[in-house]
Amino acid sequence: MSNTSAPSPRIERASLRRAGTLLVLLAWCAFLILGRWAWSGHRAFGFLAWNLFLAAVPAFASTVLGYSHRRRHPRALLWAWGALWLAFLPNAPYIVTDLVHFQYRPPVPLWFDIALMVSAVGTGLLLGYASTAEVQRVVSERRGRMMGWAVACGALLLSGFGIYLGRFMRWNSWDVVTSPERLFGALAAHAGDPSLHARTVAVTLIYGVGVMLGYLGLKLAVPSVDSAHD
């Protein structure tokens, strides 16, 4: 049974603060990327700009989901925003794997690129965690605390598999809609090769559990305005 109530001004203000903070972080990353381009004269690390955009999609979807929930929009609309959030959520922690591209690239000093990579990785993770917290709050209010935690932890664990699909199989979130036959066909063929199972399981668990533990640590360390629903 749903236990939605009238929109809380405190929740509304918290949502605006969260959105503002994430926009500032994205702007900082954009500043560093553009600064590097101006400094070096070429567009190294440009992939970070695209990956940060993809990481912002689940944050946007969760924000609209929370707004739709507070305004009591039709359930089908909430499901649609929730599906968009889930499909793009792995893009947020995926930025951690962009560290594989890190190397010294003169003439930009190493210390600058370290700051750029750390900023991008931290922003990506925060985008994912903030969006997950918002979805957890919505689910908790509609279906109870246990269901909220189940959705949050389950989605973060699944994001480990999403990271595997993106990093090793080179699939993207929108392929679920644009190329579902090719995607699931590739997954079926992949599942038929036992030699690949160990890597799939290892990457999924290590990244999924790691991302989930980071979220749990953040929730415990930082009190939330909606903690009464957690």
Foldseek 3Di string as FASTA:
>chain_A
DFQADADDPLVVVQLVVLVVVLVVLLVVLVVLQVVVCVVAVDRPPVVLNVLLVLLLFLLVLLSVLLVCLNVVHDPVSNVVSVVSNLLSLLSLQLLVVVCVVDDDDPPPGNVSVVVSSVSSNVSSLSSNLNSLVSQLLSCCNTPNNVVSVCVSLVSLLVSLLVSCCCPPVVDHSCCVPVPVPVVVVVVVVQVVDVVCVVVSVVSSRVRSVVSSVVSVVVCVVDPDPSNVSD
